[in-house]
């Protein structure tokens, strides 16, 4: 999982939550919003569970959306391990 951001031509910032299967690189879903708190990410992952089962492990960088206590507790309640990707030096 990863969050990205960009700006529209009128300086409106939006964020995307990209959910990708690390095994086959299939894009499982992309959620787009002007604000991406962890509660929205959790809601989106619950929606994706209707088509795909919950993963055994979620990998992401140290972005604030996924370091919240709410997200960590949600992952624990679904027996999902959390893994962090090593930061890459520019």
PDB file of N, CA and C in Angstrom:
ATOM      1  N   UNK A   1       0.841  -1.168   0.000  1.00  0.00           N
ATOM      2  CA  UNK A   1       0.000   0.000   0.000  1.00  0.00           C
ATOM      3  C   UNK A   1       0.882   1.225   0.000  1.00  0.00           C
ATOM      4  N   UNK A   2       0.365   2.248  -0.645  1.00  0.00           N
ATOM      5  CA  UNK A   2       1.104   3.491  -0.695  1.00  0.00           C
ATOM      6  C   UNK A   2       0.123   4.627  -0.922  1.00  0.00           C
ATOM      7  N   UNK A   3       0.419   5.763  -0.337  1.00  0.00           N
ATOM      8  CA  UNK A   3      -0.346   6.976  -0.596  1.00  0.00           C
ATOM      9  C   UNK A   3       0.510   7.909  -1.437  1.00  0.00           C
ATOM     10  N   UNK A   4      -0.127   8.526  -2.401  1.00  0.00           N
ATOM     11  CA  UNK A   4       0.553   9.506  -3.243  1.00  0.00           C
ATOM     12  C   UNK A   4      -0.316  10.753  -3.289  1.00  0.00           C
ATOM     13  N   UNK A   5       0.274  11.872  -3.679  1.00  0.00           N
ATOM     14  CA  UNK A   5      -0.514  13.094  -3.793  1.00  0.00           C
ATOM     15  C   UNK A   5      -0.120  13.858  -5.046  1.00  0.00           C
ATOM     16  N   UNK A   6      -1.043  14.698  -5.497  1.00  0.00           N
ATOM     17  CA  UNK A   6      -0.812  15.548  -6.660  1.00  0.00           C
ATOM     18  C   UNK A   6      -1.741  16.747  -6.534  1.00  0.00           C
ATOM     19  N   UNK A   7      -1.576  17.710  -7.425  1.00  0.00           N
ATOM     20  CA  UNK A   7      -2.423  18.899  -7.439  1.00  0.00           C
ATOM     21  C   UNK A   7      -3.167  18.990  -8.758  1.00  0.00           C
ATOM     22  N   UNK A   8      -4.408  19.445  -8.667  1.00  0.00           N
ATOM     23  CA  UNK A   8      -5.168  19.743  -9.867  1.00  0.00           C
ATOM     24  C   UNK A   8      -4.755  21.120 -10.374  1.00  0.00           C
ATOM     25  N   UNK A   9      -5.237  21.501 -11.531  1.00  0.00           N
ATOM     26  CA  UNK A   9      -4.830  22.778 -12.117  1.00  0.00           C
ATOM     27  C   UNK A   9      -5.246  23.984 -11.276  1.00  0.00           C
ATOM     28  N   UNK A  10      -6.232  23.836 -10.418  1.00  0.00           N
ATOM     29  CA  UNK A  10      -6.664  24.942  -9.548  1.00  0.00           C
ATOM     30  C   UNK A  10      -6.041  24.842  -8.164  1.00  0.00           C
ATOM     31  N   UNK A  11      -4.907  24.172  -8.059  1.00  0.00           N
ATOM     32  CA  UNK A  11      -4.149  24.028  -6.808  1.00  0.00           C
ATOM     33  C   UNK A  11      -4.884  23.206  -5.757  1.00  0.00           C
ATOM     34  N   UNK A  12      -5.858  22.424  -6.172  1.00  0.00           N
ATOM     35  CA  UNK A  12      -6.556  21.539  -5.244  1.00  0.00           C
ATOM     36  C   UNK A  12      -5.736  20.261  -5.128  1.00  0.00           C
ATOM     37  N   UNK A  13      -5.319  19.952  -3.914  1.00  0.00           N
ATOM     38  CA  UNK A  13      -4.501  18.768  -3.692  1.00  0.00           C
ATOM     39  C   UNK A  13      -5.397  17.544  -3.485  1.00  0.00           C
ATOM     40  N   UNK A  14      -5.004  16.428  -4.072  1.00  0.00           N
ATOM     41  CA  UNK A  14      -5.726  15.183  -3.830  1.00  0.00           C
ATOM     42  C   UNK A  14      -4.722  14.084  -3.529  1.00  0.00           C
ATOM     43  N   UNK A  15      -5.202  13.046  -2.854  1.00  0.00           N
ATOM     44  CA  UNK A  15      -4.350  11.919  -2.468  1.00  0.00           C
ATOM     45  C   UNK A  15      -4.957  10.636  -3.014  1.00  0.00           C
ATOM     46  N   UNK A  16      -4.093   9.677  -3.280  1.00  0.00           N
ATOM     47  CA  UNK A  16      -4.557   8.363  -3.719  1.00  0.00           C
ATOM     48  C   UNK A  16      -4.003   7.301  -2.778  1.00  0.00           C
ATOM     49  N   UNK A  17      -4.824   6.329  -2.481  1.00  0.00           N
ATOM     50  CA  UNK A  17      -4.395   5.147  -1.733  1.00  0.00           C
ATOM     51  C   UNK A  17      -4.322   4.014  -2.748  1.00  0.00           C
ATOM     52  N   UNK A  18      -3.120   3.530  -3.003  1.00  0.00           N
ATOM     53  CA  UNK A  18      -2.891   2.480  -3.991  1.00  0.00           C
ATOM     54  C   UNK A  18      -2.676   1.154  -3.272  1.00  0.00           C
ATOM     55  N   UNK A  19      -3.506   0.170  -3.590  1.00  0.00           N
ATOM     56  CA  UNK A  19      -3.396  -1.159  -2.990  1.00  0.00           C
ATOM     57  C   UNK A  19      -2.969  -2.124  -4.090  1.00  0.00           C
ATOM     58  N   UNK A  20      -1.758  -2.681  -3.942  1.00  0.00           N
ATOM     59  CA  UNK A  20      -1.167  -3.531  -4.972  1.00  0.00           C
ATOM     60  C   UNK A  20      -0.769  -4.870  -4.366  1.00  0.00           C
ATOM     61  N   UNK A  21      -1.102  -5.955  -5.071  1.00  0.00           N
ATOM     62  CA  UNK A  21      -0.676  -7.290  -4.658  1.00  0.00           C
ATOM     63  C   UNK A  21       0.813  -7.410  -4.964  1.00  0.00           C
ATOM     64  N   UNK A  22       1.614  -7.609  -3.936  1.00  0.00           N
ATOM     65  CA  UNK A  22       3.065  -7.641  -4.098  1.00  0.00           C
ATOM     66  C   UNK A  22       3.537  -8.878  -4.854  1.00  0.00           C
ATOM     67  N   UNK A  23       2.732  -9.930  -4.875  1.00  0.00           N
ATOM     68  CA  UNK A  23       3.137 -11.169  -5.545  1.00  0.00           C
ATOM     69  C   UNK A  23       3.085 -11.029  -7.068  1.00  0.00           C
ATOM     70  N   UNK A  24       1.938 -10.578  -7.577  1.00  0.00           N
ATOM     71  CA  UNK A  24       1.785 -10.505  -9.035  1.00  0.00           C
ATOM     72  C   UNK A  24       1.646  -9.074  -9.559  1.00  0.00           C
ATOM     73  N   UNK A  25       1.807  -8.082  -8.684  1.00  0.00           N
ATOM     74  CA  UNK A  25       1.753  -6.657  -9.026  1.00  0.00           C
ATOM     75  C   UNK A  25       0.387  -6.222  -9.549  1.00  0.00           C
ATOM     76  N   UNK A  26      -0.656  -6.978  -9.233  1.00  0.00           N
ATOM     77  CA  UNK A  26      -2.010  -6.606  -9.631  1.00  0.00           C
ATOM     78  C   UNK A  26      -2.479  -5.445  -8.764  1.00  0.00           C
ATOM     79  N   UNK A  27      -3.068  -4.450  -9.400  1.00  0.00           N
ATOM     80  CA  UNK A  27      -3.648  -3.334  -8.660  1.00  0.00           C
ATOM     81  C   UNK A  27      -5.017  -3.785  -8.165  1.00  0.00           C
ATOM     82  N   UNK A  28      -5.156  -3.883  -6.845  1.00  0.00           N
ATOM     83  CA  UNK A  28      -6.415  -4.335  -6.261  1.00  0.00           C
ATOM     84  C   UNK A  28      -7.395  -3.190  -6.111  1.00  0.00           C
ATOM     85  N   UNK A  29      -6.883  -1.973  -5.995  1.00  0.00           N
ATOM     86  CA  UNK A  29      -7.762  -0.829  -5.878  1.00  0.00           C
ATOM     87  C   UNK A  29      -7.003   0.464  -5.698  1.00  0.00           C
ATOM     88  N   UNK A  30      -7.657   1.557  -6.093  1.00  0.00           N
ATOM     89  CA  UNK A  30      -7.124   2.898  -5.887  1.00  0.00           C
ATOM     90  C   UNK A  30      -8.261   3.754  -5.359  1.00  0.00           C
ATOM     91  N   UNK A  31      -8.054   4.360  -4.213  1.00  0.00           N
ATOM     92  CA  UNK A  31      -9.039   5.264  -3.629  1.00  0.00           C
ATOM     93  C   UNK A  31      -8.497   6.681  -3.770  1.00  0.00           C
ATOM     94  N   UNK A  32      -9.340   7.614  -4.196  1.00  0.00           N
ATOM     95  CA  UNK A  32      -8.920   8.989  -4.434  1.00  0.00           C
ATOM     96  C   UNK A  32      -9.771   9.914  -3.580  1.00  0.00           C
ATOM     97  N   UNK A  33      -9.106  10.851  -2.876  1.00  0.00           N
ATOM     98  CA  UNK A  33      -9.816  11.804  -2.029  1.00  0.00           C
ATOM     99  C   UNK A  33      -8.926  13.016  -1.776  1.00  0.00           C
ATOM    100  N   UNK A  34      -9.529  14.101  -1.316  1.00  0.00           N
ATOM    101  CA  UNK A  34      -8.734  15.275  -0.958  1.00  0.00           C
ATOM    102  C   UNK A  34      -8.100  15.111   0.411  1.00  0.00           C
ATOM    103  N   UNK A  35      -8.597  14.171   1.187  1.00  0.00           N
ATOM    104  CA  UNK A  35      -8.064  13.909   2.523  1.00  0.00           C
ATOM    105  C   UNK A  35      -8.032  12.393   2.713  1.00  0.00           C
ATOM    106  N   UNK A  36      -6.933  11.863   3.268  1.00  0.00           N
ATOM    107  CA  UNK A  36      -6.807  10.411   3.391  1.00  0.00           C
ATOM    108  C   UNK A  36      -6.402  10.029   4.822  1.00  0.00           C
ATOM    109  N   UNK A  37      -7.319  10.184   5.789  1.00  0.00           N
ATOM    110  CA  UNK A  37      -6.992   9.730   7.146  1.00  0.00           C
ATOM    111  C   UNK A  37      -7.009   8.207   7.215  1.00  0.00           C
ATOM    112  N   UNK A  38      -6.453   7.672   8.274  1.00  0.00           N
ATOM    113  CA  UNK A  38      -6.380   6.211   8.403  1.00  0.00           C
ATOM    114  C   UNK A  38      -7.770   5.582   8.421  1.00  0.00           C
ATOM    115  N   UNK A  39      -8.769   6.282   8.959  1.00  0.00           N
ATOM    116  CA  UNK A  39     -10.122   5.718   8.999  1.00  0.00           C
ATOM    117  C   UNK A  39     -10.673   5.502   7.588  1.00  0.00           C
ATOM    118  N   UNK A  40     -10.336   6.390   6.662  1.00  0.00           N
ATOM    119  CA  UNK A  40     -10.787   6.204   5.277  1.00  0.00           C
ATOM    120  C   UNK A  40     -10.066   5.017   4.639  1.00  0.00           C
ATOM    121  N   UNK A  41      -8.773   4.880   4.911  1.00  0.00           N
ATOM    122  CA  UNK A  41      -8.017   3.739   4.399  1.00  0.00           C
ATOM    123  C   UNK A  41      -8.571   2.424   4.910  1.00  0.00           C
ATOM    124  N   UNK A  42      -8.935   2.391   6.181  1.00  0.00           N
ATOM    125  CA  UNK A  42      -9.525   1.187   6.780  1.00  0.00           C
ATOM    126  C   UNK A  42     -10.848   0.855   6.098  1.00  0.00           C
ATOM    127  N   UNK A  43     -11.689   1.864   5.909  1.00  0.00           N
ATOM    128  CA  UNK A  43     -12.973   1.655   5.245  1.00  0.00           C
ATOM    129  C   UNK A  43     -12.771   1.093   3.835  1.00  0.00           C
ATOM    130  N   UNK A  44     -11.766   1.621   3.135  1.00  0.00           N
ATOM    131  CA  UNK A  44     -11.507   1.152   1.772  1.00  0.00           C
ATOM    132  C   UNK A  44     -11.003  -0.292   1.768  1.00  0.00           C
ATOM    133  N   UNK A  45     -10.140  -0.637   2.703  1.00  0.00           N
ATOM    134  CA  UNK A  45      -9.654  -2.017   2.793  1.00  0.00           C
ATOM    135  C   UNK A  45     -10.789  -2.978   3.136  1.00  0.00           C
ATOM    136  N   UNK A  46     -11.725  -2.534   3.974  1.00  0.00           N
ATOM    137  CA  UNK A  46     -12.891  -3.368   4.277  1.00  0.00           C
ATOM    138  C   UNK A  46     -13.745  -3.579   3.023  1.00  0.00           C
ATOM    139  N   UNK A  47     -13.863  -2.542   2.178  1.00  0.00           N
ATOM    140  CA  UNK A  47     -14.601  -2.691   0.918  1.00  0.00           C
ATOM    141  C   UNK A  47     -13.895  -3.669  -0.015  1.00  0.00           C
ATOM    142  N   UNK A  48     -12.568  -3.574  -0.084  1.00  0.00           N
ATOM    143  CA  UNK A  48     -11.814  -4.486  -0.949  1.00  0.00           C
ATOM    144  C   UNK A  48     -11.956  -5.935  -0.501  1.00  0.00           C
ATOM    145  N   UNK A  49     -12.210  -6.149   0.791  1.00  0.00           N
ATOM    146  CA  UNK A  49     -12.377  -7.513   1.297  1.00  0.00           C
ATOM    147  C   UNK A  49     -13.593  -8.200   0.684  1.00  0.00           C
ATOM    148  N   UNK A  50     -14.539  -7.421   0.158  1.00  0.00           N
ATOM    149  CA  UNK A  50     -15.698  -8.026  -0.498  1.00  0.00           C
ATOM    150  C   UNK A  50     -15.289  -8.747  -1.783  1.00  0.00           C
ATOM    151  N   UNK A  51     -14.221  -8.292  -2.444  1.00  0.00           N
ATOM    152  CA  UNK A  51     -13.745  -8.916  -3.690  1.00  0.00           C
ATOM    153  C   UNK A  51     -12.520  -9.797  -3.466  1.00  0.00           C
ATOM    154  N   UNK A  52     -11.691  -9.425  -2.522  1.00  0.00           N
ATOM    155  CA  UNK A  52     -10.454 -10.151  -2.216  1.00  0.00           C
ATOM    156  C   UNK A  52     -10.442 -10.397  -0.711  1.00  0.00           C
ATOM    157  N   UNK A  53      -9.781 -11.416  -0.273  1.00  0.00           N
ATOM    158  CA  UNK A  53      -9.694 -11.640   1.176  1.00  0.00           C
ATOM    159  C   UNK A  53      -8.654 -10.691   1.772  1.00  0.00           C
ATOM    160  N   UNK A  54      -8.701 -10.529   3.093  1.00  0.00           N
ATOM    161  CA  UNK A  54      -7.699  -9.696   3.756  1.00  0.00           C
ATOM    162  C   UNK A  54      -6.320 -10.325   3.562  1.00  0.00           C
ATOM    163  N   UNK A  55      -5.302  -9.510   3.413  1.00  0.00           N
ATOM    164  CA  UNK A  55      -3.953 -10.064   3.232  1.00  0.00           C
ATOM    165  C   UNK A  55      -3.386 -10.588   4.543  1.00  0.00           C
ATOM    166  N   UNK A  56      -2.365 -11.419   4.435  1.00  0.00           N
ATOM    167  CA  UNK A  56      -1.658 -11.874   5.633  1.00  0.00           C
ATOM    168  C   UNK A  56      -0.739 -10.782   6.154  1.00  0.00           C
ATOM    169  N   UNK A  57      -0.232  -9.964   5.231  1.00  0.00           N
ATOM    170  CA  UNK A  57       0.724  -8.919   5.602  1.00  0.00           C
ATOM    171  C   UNK A  57       0.516  -7.701   4.717  1.00  0.00           C
ATOM    172  N   UNK A  58       0.656  -6.514   5.310  1.00  0.00           N
ATOM    173  CA  UNK A  58       0.591  -5.263   4.568  1.00  0.00           C
ATOM    174  C   UNK A  58       1.945  -4.582   4.684  1.00  0.00           C
ATOM    175  N   UNK A  59       2.509  -4.210   3.532  1.00  0.00           N
ATOM    176  CA  UNK A  59       3.780  -3.488   3.496  1.00  0.00           C
ATOM    177  C   UNK A  59       3.527  -2.042   3.098  1.00  0.00           C
ATOM    178  N   UNK A  60       4.189  -1.121   3.767  1.00  0.00           N
ATOM    179  CA  UNK A  60       4.100   0.290   3.396  1.00  0.00           C
ATOM    180  C   UNK A  60       5.264   1.042   3.997  1.00  0.00           C
ATOM    181  N   UNK A  61       5.422   2.289   3.554  1.00  0.00           N
ATOM    182  CA  UNK A  61       6.472   3.121   4.132  1.00  0.00           C
ATOM    183  C   UNK A  61       5.963   3.691   5.454  1.00  0.00           C
ATOM    184  N   UNK A  62       6.688   4.571   6.047  1.00  0.00           N
ATOM    185  CA  UNK A  62       6.317   5.102   7.361  1.00  0.00           C
ATOM    186  C   UNK A  62       5.376   6.298   7.281  1.00  0.00           C
ATOM    187  N   UNK A  63       4.501   6.336   6.298  1.00  0.00           N
ATOM    188  CA  UNK A  63       3.590   7.469   6.184  1.00  0.00           C
ATOM    189  C   UNK A  63       2.611   7.487   7.351  1.00  0.00           C
ATOM    190  N   UNK A  64       2.212   8.690   7.714  1.00  0.00           N
ATOM    191  CA  UNK A  64       1.391   8.872   8.918  1.00  0.00           C
ATOM    192  C   UNK A  64       0.029   8.191   8.828  1.00  0.00           C
ATOM    193  N   UNK A  65      -0.483   7.987   7.616  1.00  0.00           N
ATOM    194  CA  UNK A  65      -1.803   7.362   7.475  1.00  0.00           C
ATOM    195  C   UNK A  65      -1.848   5.971   8.083  1.00  0.00           C
ATOM    196  N   UNK A  66      -0.694   5.285   8.072  1.00  0.00           N
ATOM    197  CA  UNK A  66      -0.673   3.894   8.513  1.00  0.00           C
ATOM    198  C   UNK A  66       0.039   3.689   9.841  1.00  0.00           C
ATOM    199  N   UNK A  67       0.516   4.732  10.452  1.00  0.00           N
ATOM    200  CA  UNK A  67       1.177   4.607  11.750  1.00  0.00           C
ATOM    201  C   UNK A  67       0.239   4.934  12.905  1.00  0.00           C
ATOM    202  N   UNK A  68      -1.016   5.163  12.609  1.00  0.00           N
ATOM    203  CA  UNK A  68      -1.957   5.518  13.666  1.00  0.00           C
ATOM    204  C   UNK A  68      -2.333   4.289  14.492  1.00  0.00           C
ATOM    205  N   UNK A  69      -2.694   4.538  15.719  1.00  0.00           N
ATOM    206  CA  UNK A  69      -3.117   3.453  16.616  1.00  0.00           C
ATOM    207  C   UNK A  69      -4.374   2.773  16.080  1.00  0.00           C
ATOM    208  N   UNK A  70      -5.254   3.560  15.467  1.00  0.00           N
ATOM    209  CA  UNK A  70      -6.494   3.015  14.911  1.00  0.00           C
ATOM    210  C   UNK A  70      -6.184   1.987  13.825  1.00  0.00           C
ATOM    211  N   UNK A  71      -5.258   2.316  12.919  1.00  0.00           N
ATOM    212  CA  UNK A  71      -4.910   1.393  11.835  1.00  0.00           C
ATOM    213  C   UNK A  71      -4.220   0.146  12.372  1.00  0.00           C
ATOM    214  N   UNK A  72      -3.298   0.323  13.294  1.00  0.00           N
ATOM    215  CA  UNK A  72      -2.565  -0.816  13.864  1.00  0.00           C
ATOM    216  C   UNK A  72      -3.521  -1.758  14.593  1.00  0.00           C
ATOM    217  N   UNK A  73      -4.464  -1.203  15.350  1.00  0.00           N
ATOM    218  CA  UNK A  73      -5.455  -2.035  16.046  1.00  0.00           C
ATOM    219  C   UNK A  73      -6.372  -2.753  15.053  1.00  0.00           C
ATOM    220  N   UNK A  74      -6.738  -2.071  13.967  1.00  0.00           N
ATOM    221  CA  UNK A  74      -7.570  -2.706  12.945  1.00  0.00           C
ATOM    222  C   UNK A  74      -6.829  -3.899  12.339  1.00  0.00           C
ATOM    223  N   UNK A  75      -5.547  -3.700  12.014  1.00  0.00           N
ATOM    224  CA  UNK A  75      -4.750  -4.785  11.424  1.00  0.00           C
ATOM    225  C   UNK A  75      -4.656  -5.968  12.389  1.00  0.00           C
ATOM    226  N   UNK A  76      -4.423  -5.690  13.659  1.00  0.00           N
ATOM    227  CA  UNK A  76      -4.342  -6.766  14.656  1.00  0.00           C
ATOM    228  C   UNK A  76      -5.661  -7.518  14.759  1.00  0.00           C
ATOM    229  N   UNK A  77      -6.773  -6.791  14.696  1.00  0.00           N
ATOM    230  CA  UNK A  77      -8.082  -7.441  14.830  1.00  0.00           C
ATOM    231  C   UNK A  77      -8.392  -8.359  13.645  1.00  0.00           C
ATOM    232  N   UNK A  78      -7.708  -8.157  12.514  1.00  0.00           N
ATOM    233  CA  UNK A  78      -7.890  -9.005  11.332  1.00  0.00           C
ATOM    234  C   UNK A  78      -6.698  -9.940  11.114  1.00  0.00           C
ATOM    235  N   UNK A  79      -5.849 -10.074  12.127  1.00  0.00           N
ATOM    236  CA  UNK A  79      -4.656 -10.943  12.066  1.00  0.00           C
ATOM    237  C   UNK A  79      -3.766 -10.614  10.867  1.00  0.00           C
ATOM    238  N   UNK A  80      -3.584  -9.325  10.616  1.00  0.00           N
ATOM    239  CA  UNK A  80      -2.740  -8.860   9.517  1.00  0.00           C
ATOM    240  C   UNK A  80      -1.428  -8.352  10.098  1.00  0.00           C
ATOM    241  N   UNK A  81      -0.316  -8.897   9.606  1.00  0.00           N
ATOM    242  CA  UNK A  81       0.998  -8.411  10.033  1.00  0.00           C
ATOM    243  C   UNK A  81       1.306  -7.118   9.278  1.00  0.00           C
ATOM    244  N   UNK A  82       2.026  -6.222   9.934  1.00  0.00           N
ATOM    245  CA  UNK A  82       2.411  -4.959   9.323  1.00  0.00           C
ATOM    246  C   UNK A  82       3.913  -4.971   9.085  1.00  0.00           C
ATOM    247  N   UNK A  83       4.315  -4.662   7.858  1.00  0.00           N
ATOM    248  CA  UNK A  83       5.727  -4.577   7.509  1.00  0.00           C
ATOM    249  C   UNK A  83       6.033  -3.212   6.929  1.00  0.00           C
ATOM    250  N   UNK A  84       7.227  -2.729   7.190  1.00  0.00           N
ATOM    251  CA  UNK A  84       7.629  -1.417   6.700  1.00  0.00           C
ATOM    252  C   UNK A  84       8.695  -1.569   5.627  1.00  0.00           C
ATOM    253  N   UNK A  85       8.560  -0.816   4.557  1.00  0.00           N
ATOM    254  CA  UNK A  85       9.536  -0.817   3.478  1.00  0.00           C
ATOM    255  C   UNK A  85      10.700   0.071   3.890  1.00  0.00           C
ATOM    256  N   UNK A  86      11.911  -0.393   3.618  1.00  0.00           N
ATOM    257  CA  UNK A  86      13.092   0.406   3.917  1.00  0.00           C
ATOM    258  C   UNK A  86      13.101   1.661   3.063  1.00  0.00           C
ATOM    259  N   UNK A  87      13.358   2.823   3.684  1.00  0.00           N
ATOM    260  CA  UNK A  87      13.441   4.044   2.877  1.00  0.00           C
ATOM    261  C   UNK A  87      14.617   3.965   1.901  1.00  0.00           C
ATOM    262  N   UNK A  88      14.413   4.485   0.716  1.00  0.00           N
ATOM    263  CA  UNK A  88      15.464   4.499  -0.299  1.00  0.00           C
ATOM    264  C   UNK A  88      16.107   5.878  -0.308  1.00  0.00           C
ATOM    265  N   UNK A  89      17.412   5.908  -0.254  1.00  0.00           N
ATOM    266  CA  UNK A  89      18.126   7.185  -0.290  1.00  0.00           C
ATOM    267  C   UNK A  89      18.130   7.720  -1.718  1.00  0.00           C
ATOM    268  N   UNK A  90      17.893   9.027  -1.863  1.00  0.00           N
ATOM    269  CA  UNK A  90      17.893   9.598  -3.224  1.00  0.00           C
ATOM    270  C   UNK A  90      19.269   9.597  -3.843  1.00  0.00           C
TER     271      UNK A  90
END
